[in-house]
Protein backbone atom coordinates (compact mmCIF):
# COMPACT_ATOMS: atom_id res chain seq x y z
CA UNK A 1 42.68 -10.47 -45.17
CA UNK A 2 42.29 -7.02 -46.31
CA UNK A 3 44.92 -4.32 -46.67
CA UNK A 4 44.62 -2.81 -43.24
CA UNK A 5 44.34 -6.13 -41.35
CA UNK A 6 47.47 -7.37 -43.26
CA UNK A 7 49.36 -4.22 -42.24
CA UNK A 8 48.25 -4.50 -38.67
CA UNK A 9 49.42 -8.13 -38.57
CA UNK A 10 52.90 -7.37 -39.72
CA UNK A 11 54.04 -5.17 -37.03
CA UNK A 12 56.98 -7.10 -35.88
CA UNK A 13 58.29 -7.76 -39.41
CA UNK A 14 57.90 -4.03 -40.16
CA UNK A 15 60.13 -3.14 -37.38
CA UNK A 16 62.57 -6.13 -37.67
CA UNK A 17 63.18 -4.90 -41.43
CA UNK A 18 63.55 -1.38 -40.28
CA UNK A 19 66.17 -2.22 -37.60
CA UNK A 20 68.26 -3.56 -40.23
CA UNK A 21 68.07 -0.44 -42.42
CA UNK A 22 68.80 1.77 -39.28
CA UNK A 23 71.89 -0.21 -38.13
CA UNK A 24 73.51 0.86 -41.42
CA UNK A 25 75.58 4.15 -40.33
CA UNK A 26 75.19 5.80 -43.84
CA UNK A 27 76.56 9.14 -42.79
CA UNK A 28 76.96 10.99 -46.41
CA UNK A 29 79.07 13.75 -44.91
CA UNK A 30 81.95 11.51 -43.32
CA UNK A 31 84.15 9.67 -45.79
CA UNK A 32 84.90 6.94 -43.57
CA UNK A 33 81.29 5.82 -44.03
CA UNK A 34 81.32 5.38 -47.86
CA UNK A 35 81.30 1.56 -47.54
CA UNK A 36 78.10 1.99 -45.27
CA UNK A 37 76.47 4.40 -47.93
CA UNK A 38 76.96 1.75 -50.49
CA UNK A 39 75.69 -0.95 -48.29
CA UNK A 40 72.58 1.09 -47.63
CA UNK A 41 71.96 1.58 -51.33
CA UNK A 42 72.06 -2.36 -51.94
CA UNK A 43 69.58 -2.81 -48.98
CA UNK A 44 67.23 -0.31 -50.38
CA UNK A 45 67.66 -1.76 -54.09
CA UNK A 46 66.69 -5.27 -52.62
CA UNK A 47 63.68 -4.07 -50.52
CA UNK A 48 62.18 -2.34 -53.63
CA UNK A 49 62.62 -5.47 -55.61
CA UNK A 50 60.94 -7.43 -53.00
CA UNK A 51 58.05 -4.80 -53.01
CA UNK A 52 57.33 -5.65 -56.64
CA UNK A 53 59.35 -2.86 -58.37
CA UNK A 54 60.98 -3.63 -61.89
CA UNK A 55 64.10 -2.42 -63.42
CA UNK A 56 65.61 -1.60 -59.80
CA UNK A 57 69.32 -0.04 -60.40
CA UNK A 58 71.83 1.38 -58.24
CA UNK A 59 73.19 4.16 -60.24
CA UNK A 60 76.73 5.41 -59.29
CA UNK A 61 77.33 9.28 -59.25
CA UNK A 62 80.15 11.54 -58.74
CA UNK A 63 79.55 10.99 -54.90
CA UNK A 64 77.06 8.37 -53.56
CA UNK A 65 74.92 6.10 -55.50
CA UNK A 66 71.24 6.75 -56.25
CA UNK A 67 68.84 3.94 -56.14
CA UNK A 68 66.19 3.86 -58.99
CA UNK A 69 63.29 1.76 -59.50
CA UNK A 70 59.87 1.38 -61.37
CA UNK A 71 56.74 -0.34 -61.81
CA UNK A 72 54.78 0.68 -65.09
CA UNK A 73 52.35 -2.08 -65.18
CA UNK A 74 48.98 -0.21 -64.66
CA UNK A 75 48.08 1.39 -68.13
CA UNK A 76 45.74 4.24 -67.92
CA UNK A 77 46.41 5.03 -64.15
CA UNK A 78 48.16 7.74 -62.56
CA UNK A 79 52.20 7.75 -62.46
CA UNK A 80 53.91 8.77 -59.01
CA UNK A 81 57.35 9.57 -58.67
CA UNK A 82 58.52 8.89 -54.97
CA UNK A 83 61.42 10.47 -53.58
CA UNK A 84 63.47 10.07 -50.46
CA UNK A 85 66.92 9.60 -49.06
CA UNK A 86 68.84 6.90 -47.16
CA UNK A 87 71.50 9.24 -45.85
CA UNK A 88 71.59 10.39 -42.65
CA UNK A 89 73.09 13.23 -40.47
CA UNK A 90 76.19 12.39 -38.25
CA UNK A 91 75.65 10.89 -34.85
CA UNK A 92 77.84 13.48 -33.22
CA UNK A 93 77.98 14.14 -30.26
CA UNK A 94 78.01 10.51 -29.38
CA UNK A 95 77.83 10.97 -25.57
CA UNK A 96 74.43 12.90 -25.75
CA UNK A 97 72.72 9.71 -27.04
CA UNK A 98 70.66 7.56 -24.54
CA UNK A 99 71.17 4.45 -26.43
CA UNK A 100 73.73 3.85 -29.35
CA UNK A 101 72.76 5.96 -32.50
CA UNK A 102 72.98 3.18 -34.89
CA UNK A 103 71.33 0.58 -32.45
CA UNK A 104 67.53 1.18 -32.80
CA UNK A 105 65.73 0.88 -29.40
CA UNK A 106 62.16 1.18 -28.36
CA UNK A 107 61.72 3.32 -25.40
CA UNK A 108 57.91 4.26 -24.26
CA UNK A 109 55.97 4.77 -27.43
CA UNK A 110 59.07 5.81 -29.65
CA UNK A 111 61.81 4.18 -31.91
CA UNK A 112 65.06 5.85 -31.39
CA UNK A 113 67.94 5.78 -33.56
CA UNK A 114 69.81 7.82 -36.19
CA UNK A 115 67.54 8.02 -39.23
CA UNK A 116 64.18 7.08 -37.68
CA UNK A 117 62.73 10.33 -38.67
CA UNK A 118 64.67 11.72 -41.42
CA UNK A 119 64.54 9.77 -43.61
CA UNK A 120 65.10 6.07 -43.32
CA UNK A 121 61.88 5.49 -41.33
CA UNK A 122 59.61 7.66 -43.72
CA UNK A 123 61.19 5.83 -46.91
CA UNK A 124 60.59 2.45 -45.10
CA UNK A 125 57.04 3.31 -44.69
CA UNK A 126 56.57 3.72 -48.36
CA UNK A 127 58.30 0.42 -48.95
CA UNK A 128 56.18 -1.42 -46.46
CA UNK A 129 53.13 -0.02 -47.95
CA UNK A 130 54.15 -1.20 -51.40
CA UNK A 131 54.75 -4.59 -49.98
CA UNK A 132 51.54 -4.67 -48.25
CA UNK A 133 49.63 -4.11 -51.38
CA UNK A 134 51.54 -6.40 -53.45
CA UNK A 135 50.86 -9.30 -50.82
CA UNK A 136 47.17 -8.60 -50.63
CA UNK A 137 46.39 -7.49 -54.20
CA UNK A 138 49.15 -9.11 -56.26
CA UNK A 139 49.91 -5.97 -58.13
CA UNK A 140 50.42 -2.30 -57.68
CA UNK A 141 47.29 0.02 -58.43
CA UNK A 142 49.25 2.87 -60.25
CA UNK A 143 52.46 3.36 -62.06
CA UNK A 144 55.29 4.27 -59.90
CA UNK A 145 58.74 5.63 -60.24
CA UNK A 146 61.13 5.49 -57.01
CA UNK A 147 64.30 7.50 -56.50
CA UNK A 148 66.10 7.30 -53.21
CA UNK A 149 69.31 9.42 -53.15
CA UNK A 150 72.36 9.27 -50.89
CA UNK A 151 73.25 12.95 -50.66
CA UNK A 152 70.25 14.79 -49.35
CA UNK A 153 72.13 15.45 -45.91
CA UNK A 154 75.02 17.17 -47.91
CA UNK A 155 72.99 19.09 -50.35
CA UNK A 156 71.68 16.67 -53.16
CA UNK A 157 74.89 17.26 -55.14
CA UNK A 158 74.56 14.83 -57.97
CA UNK A 159 70.74 14.48 -57.93
CA UNK A 160 70.02 17.33 -60.13
CA UNK A 161 72.49 16.03 -62.88
CA UNK A 162 70.59 12.80 -62.90
CA UNK A 163 67.19 14.44 -63.30
CA UNK A 164 68.33 16.70 -65.95
CA UNK A 165 69.59 13.97 -68.14
CA UNK A 166 66.75 11.74 -67.30
CA UNK A 167 63.66 14.04 -67.75
CA UNK A 168 61.59 11.70 -69.98
CA UNK A 169 62.28 8.70 -67.78
CA UNK A 170 61.15 10.62 -64.39
CA UNK A 171 58.18 12.07 -65.99
CA UNK A 172 55.25 11.79 -63.88
CA UNK A 173 51.72 13.10 -62.69
CA UNK A 174 52.79 13.85 -59.11
CA UNK A 175 55.79 13.74 -56.91
CA UNK A 176 55.20 12.49 -53.47
CA UNK A 177 57.89 12.89 -50.49
CA UNK A 178 57.76 11.68 -46.82
CA UNK A 179 60.65 13.90 -45.71
CA UNK A 180 58.35 16.34 -43.56
CA UNK A 181 56.66 16.10 -40.38
CA UNK A 182 53.24 16.47 -38.75
CA UNK A 183 51.96 19.49 -36.99
CA UNK A 184 51.65 17.69 -33.83
CA UNK A 185 50.84 14.25 -32.15
CA UNK A 186 47.51 12.92 -33.64
CA UNK A 187 47.55 15.94 -36.12
CA UNK A 188 48.26 14.25 -39.68
CA UNK A 189 49.47 16.89 -42.21
CA UNK A 190 50.23 17.81 -45.88
CA UNK A 191 52.80 20.44 -46.24
CA UNK A 192 52.51 22.74 -48.98
CA UNK A 193 55.30 24.83 -48.46
CA UNK A 194 59.13 25.08 -47.45
CA UNK A 195 61.88 27.49 -46.87
CA UNK A 196 64.92 27.56 -49.05
CA UNK A 197 68.37 27.01 -47.68
CA UNK A 198 71.87 28.73 -48.69
CA UNK A 199 74.66 27.23 -46.59
CA UNK A 200 78.02 28.91 -46.20
CA UNK A 201 81.39 28.57 -44.35
CA UNK A 202 83.59 31.46 -43.63
CA UNK A 203 87.29 31.47 -42.72
CA UNK A 204 88.96 34.50 -40.93
CA UNK A 205 92.51 34.88 -41.39
CA UNK A 206 94.83 36.97 -39.04
CA UNK A 207 98.13 36.30 -37.87
CA UNK A 208 100.28 34.07 -40.00
CA UNK A 209 100.39 31.37 -36.94
CA UNK A 210 98.95 31.16 -33.55
CA UNK A 211 100.77 33.61 -31.17
CA UNK A 212 101.46 33.62 -27.46
CA UNK A 213 98.63 35.89 -26.05
CA UNK A 214 100.75 37.41 -23.51
CA UNK A 215 103.62 38.61 -25.79
CA UNK A 216 101.32 39.69 -28.65
CA UNK A 217 97.98 40.28 -27.10
CA UNK A 218 96.69 43.76 -27.35
CA UNK A 219 98.50 44.58 -30.64
CA UNK A 220 97.56 41.77 -32.69
CA UNK A 221 93.72 41.16 -34.43
CA UNK A 222 92.21 38.16 -32.85
CA UNK A 223 90.18 36.27 -35.65
CA UNK A 224 87.76 34.69 -33.09
CA UNK A 225 86.86 37.91 -31.58
CA UNK A 226 86.68 39.67 -35.02
CA UNK A 227 84.35 36.80 -36.07
CA UNK A 228 82.09 36.97 -32.98
CA UNK A 229 81.79 40.67 -33.64
CA UNK A 230 80.70 40.05 -37.24
CA UNK A 231 77.83 37.62 -36.41
CA UNK A 232 76.50 40.09 -33.54
CA UNK A 233 76.15 42.71 -36.10
CA UNK A 234 73.97 40.62 -38.77
CA UNK A 235 71.06 40.99 -36.51
CA UNK A 236 69.36 44.06 -35.23
CA UNK A 237 67.53 44.15 -31.79
CA UNK A 238 64.12 43.14 -33.31
CA UNK A 239 65.92 39.99 -34.55
CA UNK A 240 65.77 41.03 -38.18
CA UNK A 241 68.72 40.13 -40.37
CA UNK A 242 70.57 43.23 -40.63
CA UNK A 243 71.91 42.97 -44.38
CA UNK A 244 70.77 45.55 -46.85
CA UNK A 245 68.27 44.09 -49.25
CA UNK A 246 67.68 40.82 -47.46
CA UNK A 247 64.06 41.45 -47.16
CA UNK A 248 63.48 43.24 -50.65
CA UNK A 249 61.85 40.16 -52.28
CA UNK A 250 59.98 38.65 -49.50
CA UNK A 251 56.33 37.78 -50.38
CA UNK A 252 53.61 38.84 -48.11
CA UNK A 253 51.44 36.48 -46.75
CA UNK A 254 47.62 37.02 -47.82
CA UNK A 255 45.18 37.58 -45.23
CA UNK A 256 43.44 34.21 -45.97
CA UNK A 257 46.58 32.31 -45.66
CA UNK A 258 47.63 34.34 -42.33
CA UNK A 259 44.29 33.33 -40.99
CA UNK A 260 44.44 29.53 -41.92
CA UNK A 261 48.18 29.19 -40.62
CA UNK A 262 47.30 30.88 -37.35
CA UNK A 263 44.12 28.85 -36.90
CA UNK A 264 46.13 25.70 -36.97
CA UNK A 265 45.92 23.51 -33.49
CA UNK A 266 49.41 24.64 -32.61
CA UNK A 267 50.35 25.71 -29.19
CA UNK A 268 53.41 27.93 -28.45
CA UNK A 269 53.56 26.38 -24.63
CA UNK A 270 54.10 22.85 -26.55
CA UNK A 271 56.63 24.37 -28.75
CA UNK A 272 58.64 25.91 -25.92
CA UNK A 273 58.48 22.75 -23.86
CA UNK A 274 59.98 20.76 -27.28
CA UNK A 275 62.65 23.51 -27.44
CA UNK A 276 63.65 23.26 -23.68
CA UNK A 277 65.05 26.85 -23.72
CA UNK A 278 64.28 29.40 -20.90
CA UNK A 279 62.68 31.64 -23.36
CA UNK A 280 62.01 32.16 -27.15
CA UNK A 281 62.81 34.80 -29.37
CA UNK A 282 62.14 35.76 -32.94
CA UNK A 283 61.33 38.40 -35.38
CA UNK A 284 59.02 41.03 -33.70
CA UNK A 285 55.80 41.64 -35.48
CA UNK A 286 55.07 38.23 -36.53
CA UNK A 287 53.42 35.27 -34.86
CA UNK A 288 55.50 32.10 -34.16
CA UNK A 289 54.07 30.17 -36.76
CA UNK A 290 54.75 32.96 -39.16
CA UNK A 291 58.39 33.15 -37.77
CA UNK A 292 58.87 29.50 -38.37
CA UNK A 293 57.35 28.94 -42.05
CA UNK A 294 57.18 32.22 -43.48
CA UNK A 295 59.84 34.55 -42.65
CA UNK A 296 63.44 34.33 -43.76
CA UNK A 297 66.37 33.86 -41.25
CA UNK A 298 70.22 33.79 -40.80
CA UNK A 299 71.71 31.42 -38.25
CA UNK A 300 74.97 30.64 -37.02
CA UNK A 301 75.51 26.78 -37.09
CA UNK A 302 78.88 26.20 -35.78
CA UNK A 303 81.95 28.22 -34.92
CA UNK A 304 85.53 26.94 -33.99
CA UNK A 305 89.29 28.02 -33.76
CA UNK A 306 92.08 28.47 -31.42
CA UNK A 307 92.83 25.94 -28.55
CA UNK A 308 89.99 23.85 -27.15
CA UNK A 309 91.72 21.14 -25.59
CA UNK A 310 92.25 20.05 -21.92
CA UNK A 311 93.77 22.98 -19.97
CA UNK A 312 95.17 26.24 -20.75
CA UNK A 313 96.93 27.24 -23.69
CA UNK A 314 97.19 31.01 -24.00
CA UNK A 315 97.17 31.73 -27.91
CA UNK A 316 95.86 34.20 -30.31
CA UNK A 317 94.67 31.80 -33.16
CA UNK A 318 95.86 32.37 -36.78
CA UNK A 319 92.46 31.46 -38.05
CA UNK A 320 88.77 31.28 -37.07
CA UNK A 321 85.98 29.56 -38.74
CA UNK A 322 82.13 29.41 -38.83
CA UNK A 323 79.37 27.65 -40.57
CA UNK A 324 76.32 29.55 -41.12
CA UNK A 325 72.85 29.38 -43.25
CA UNK A 326 70.14 31.50 -44.45
CA UNK A 327 66.59 30.03 -44.84
CA UNK A 328 64.74 31.76 -47.58
CA UNK A 329 61.14 32.21 -48.41
CA UNK A 330 58.94 32.55 -51.54
CA UNK A 331 60.39 35.11 -54.16
CA UNK A 332 63.68 35.50 -52.63
CA UNK A 333 66.49 34.51 -55.08
CA UNK A 334 69.40 32.38 -53.51
CA UNK A 335 72.09 33.74 -55.60
CA UNK A 336 70.91 37.28 -54.92
CA UNK A 337 70.97 36.67 -51.04
CA UNK A 338 74.45 35.24 -51.27
CA UNK A 339 75.81 38.37 -53.00
CA UNK A 340 74.23 40.55 -50.34
CA UNK A 341 75.74 38.25 -47.53
CA UNK A 342 79.08 38.47 -49.01
CA UNK A 343 78.85 42.35 -49.57
CA UNK A 344 77.67 42.87 -45.95
CA UNK A 345 80.60 40.78 -44.68
CA UNK A 346 83.10 42.48 -46.69
CA UNK A 347 81.59 45.75 -45.50
CA UNK A 348 81.74 44.89 -41.76
CA UNK A 349 85.06 43.09 -41.28
CA UNK A 350 88.12 45.35 -40.56
CA UNK A 351 91.16 45.42 -42.98
CA UNK A 352 93.21 43.80 -40.16
CA UNK A 353 91.98 40.13 -41.42
CA UNK A 354 91.54 38.55 -44.64
CA UNK A 355 88.12 36.40 -45.03
CA UNK A 356 87.39 33.54 -47.55
CA UNK A 357 83.52 32.77 -47.90
CA UNK A 358 82.77 29.21 -49.31
CA UNK A 359 79.10 28.49 -50.56
CA UNK A 360 78.22 24.91 -49.90
CA UNK A 361 74.70 24.93 -51.38
CA UNK A 362 71.90 27.23 -52.55
CA UNK A 363 68.30 26.49 -52.73
CA UNK A 364 64.93 28.67 -53.06
CA UNK A 365 61.93 28.12 -51.29
CA UNK A 366 58.71 26.37 -52.52
CA UNK A 367 55.04 27.02 -51.89
CA UNK A 368 52.20 25.67 -54.06
CA UNK A 369 48.42 25.30 -54.10
CA UNK A 370 46.73 22.19 -53.12
CA UNK A 371 43.75 22.17 -55.02
CA UNK A 372 44.66 19.22 -57.29
CA UNK A 373 42.54 15.88 -56.95
CA UNK A 374 45.61 13.99 -55.53
CA UNK A 375 45.53 16.14 -52.37
CA UNK A 376 41.95 14.79 -51.78
CA UNK A 377 42.86 11.41 -52.01
CA UNK A 378 46.02 12.32 -49.84
CA UNK A 379 43.47 13.91 -47.32
CA UNK A 380 41.16 10.74 -47.16
CA UNK A 381 44.16 8.36 -46.88
CA UNK A 382 45.77 10.20 -44.04
CA UNK A 383 42.25 9.91 -42.21
CA UNK A 384 41.93 6.18 -42.92
CA UNK A 385 45.38 5.71 -41.44
CA UNK A 386 45.19 7.76 -38.40
CA UNK A 387 41.45 8.35 -37.69
CA UNK A 388 41.79 12.18 -38.17
CA UNK A 389 41.08 14.54 -40.67
CA UNK A 390 44.55 16.13 -41.99
CA UNK A 391 45.71 19.91 -41.89
CA UNK A 392 47.56 21.69 -44.51
CA UNK A 393 50.79 23.36 -43.18
CA UNK A 394 53.99 24.92 -44.16
CA UNK A 395 57.42 24.08 -42.93
CA UNK A 396 60.72 25.88 -42.04
CA UNK A 397 63.01 23.20 -43.44
CA UNK A 398 64.42 22.84 -46.80
CA UNK A 399 64.13 20.14 -49.57
CA UNK A 400 65.71 21.82 -52.60
CA UNK A 401 64.80 18.77 -54.89
CA UNK A 402 60.88 19.55 -54.35
CA UNK A 403 61.30 23.13 -55.73
CA UNK A 404 63.35 21.86 -58.50
CA UNK A 405 60.91 19.23 -59.58
CA UNK A 406 58.17 21.53 -59.18
CA UNK A 407 59.66 24.36 -61.25
CA UNK A 408 60.78 21.55 -64.12
CA UNK A 409 57.70 19.27 -64.53
CA UNK A 410 54.89 21.53 -63.19
CA UNK A 411 53.11 18.64 -61.40
CA UNK A 412 51.70 18.49 -57.72
CA UNK A 413 54.25 17.81 -55.04
CA UNK A 414 52.44 16.02 -52.07
CA UNK A 415 54.65 16.01 -48.90
CA UNK A 416 53.12 13.53 -46.60
CA UNK A 417 55.41 13.70 -43.43
CA UNK A 418 55.18 11.46 -40.43
CA UNK A 419 57.81 12.97 -38.13
CA UNK A 420 56.94 15.19 -35.00
CA UNK A 421 58.66 18.35 -34.30
CA UNK A 422 60.30 17.24 -31.04
CA UNK A 423 61.79 14.06 -32.66
CA UNK A 424 65.41 15.58 -32.84
CA UNK A 425 65.98 14.85 -36.50
CA UNK A 426 69.37 16.38 -36.96
CA UNK A 427 70.38 15.82 -33.04
CA UNK A 428 70.77 12.98 -30.54
CA UNK A 429 67.97 11.05 -29.48
CA UNK A 430 66.31 11.24 -32.92
CA UNK A 431 63.09 9.07 -33.03
CA UNK A 432 59.92 8.42 -34.49
CA UNK A 433 56.39 7.68 -32.67
CA UNK A 434 55.41 4.20 -33.29
CA UNK A 435 51.88 5.20 -33.99
CA UNK A 436 53.07 7.64 -36.79
CA UNK A 437 55.26 4.84 -38.21
CA UNK A 438 52.43 2.27 -38.18
CA UNK A 439 49.75 4.89 -39.05
CA UNK A 440 51.82 6.04 -41.89
CA UNK A 441 52.27 2.54 -43.46
CA UNK A 442 48.41 2.26 -43.63
CA UNK A 443 48.04 5.77 -44.82
CA UNK A 444 50.27 5.63 -47.79
CA UNK A 445 49.09 2.33 -48.63
CA UNK A 446 45.65 3.87 -48.92
CA UNK A 447 46.92 6.86 -50.80
CA UNK A 448 48.36 4.78 -53.49
CA UNK A 449 45.03 2.36 -53.47
CA UNK A 450 43.19 5.64 -53.81
CA UNK A 451 44.92 7.03 -56.79
CA UNK A 452 44.23 3.70 -58.34
CA UNK A 453 40.72 4.44 -58.27
CA UNK A 454 40.92 7.78 -59.87
């Protein structure tokens, strides 16, 4: 039985094992799930050993454990470092899930559950691809190093410290990541660019305690009102970020790249359907693809304060809070943007309140050429897995680790993603298309096999 036949014969085994993984609520942002995080790390380590990797370790960090394994039994063959993460986003709001977040469920052509697309399902694609190679060939065709972390969804707090202290151990000819997506259903894709991400939390403080809005209203600053006014001033009428210096270093697209991106089989009508909003908005003067992949943004991610319980409670809140983020593009410097953001907030806020800005994470954008021979191997592998030629795309999301690895090791970073734009990666009813999951296993197995033939 050849590799593809074996993979096709194992569909039930693939899913059964993935269900085990998805049932572990490894939510890195919530402390009550720390035992689940540790359980997920042990699960990953066990499956990597079963897939033929040696020296598999669960390495403690300051936050959540990192799983590392390697197989270095192919002298003269390429060495690949595969990176992924086993932690997931919180499942809330739970009432918006059609089926429980941590009970994987097939509906139609999709598998639903937290982590199906981001990133457990995609990590599992690689585990099952390696297992298939071992079962059919008895050995791996390349040298492989695997690093699966548990902190990606909270900024990869400990990862870079591990990399910096293990540079010789992690040296490879290429980095491979499956934490991105495909352009559309039936369009296998290789990502060559990601936006960067700065993430912030702001606290606005007014009166010393909550006050009766009838007795004090009209004479006391309301932190929620002031917070809303602040964010309303951070964009202009053309949806541009209204922060001096924000666009100073933005790299302009070449005519060739602009033409290539705008020629992709991407439909605004499908995008609008996926979003489900009455209409779309964005920075004027740029196509939708350019807005999503190549332009920086500032987004308000959450806002709270005052009374939000049942019934009425007429108060002027003492404090108001918001979480917000900036997505960055090539040539923008994360620290410089943070300074510009804080400077503008300080300028816009009245002296009737105090504010505190916390910077949770900072990460710059990444974009790289795709001319290395490994990319052609990836192209061919995706065609074998999906029956269609792959396209090269950029994405609006962020994987800080890719930028750091590219800058540090100067090796190709090959992003093979198998999610789809409408798969609700950070939202209720997250899912992965079964055709992409099974096709991904075949494509990844062919990719590793193809690298072994170079």
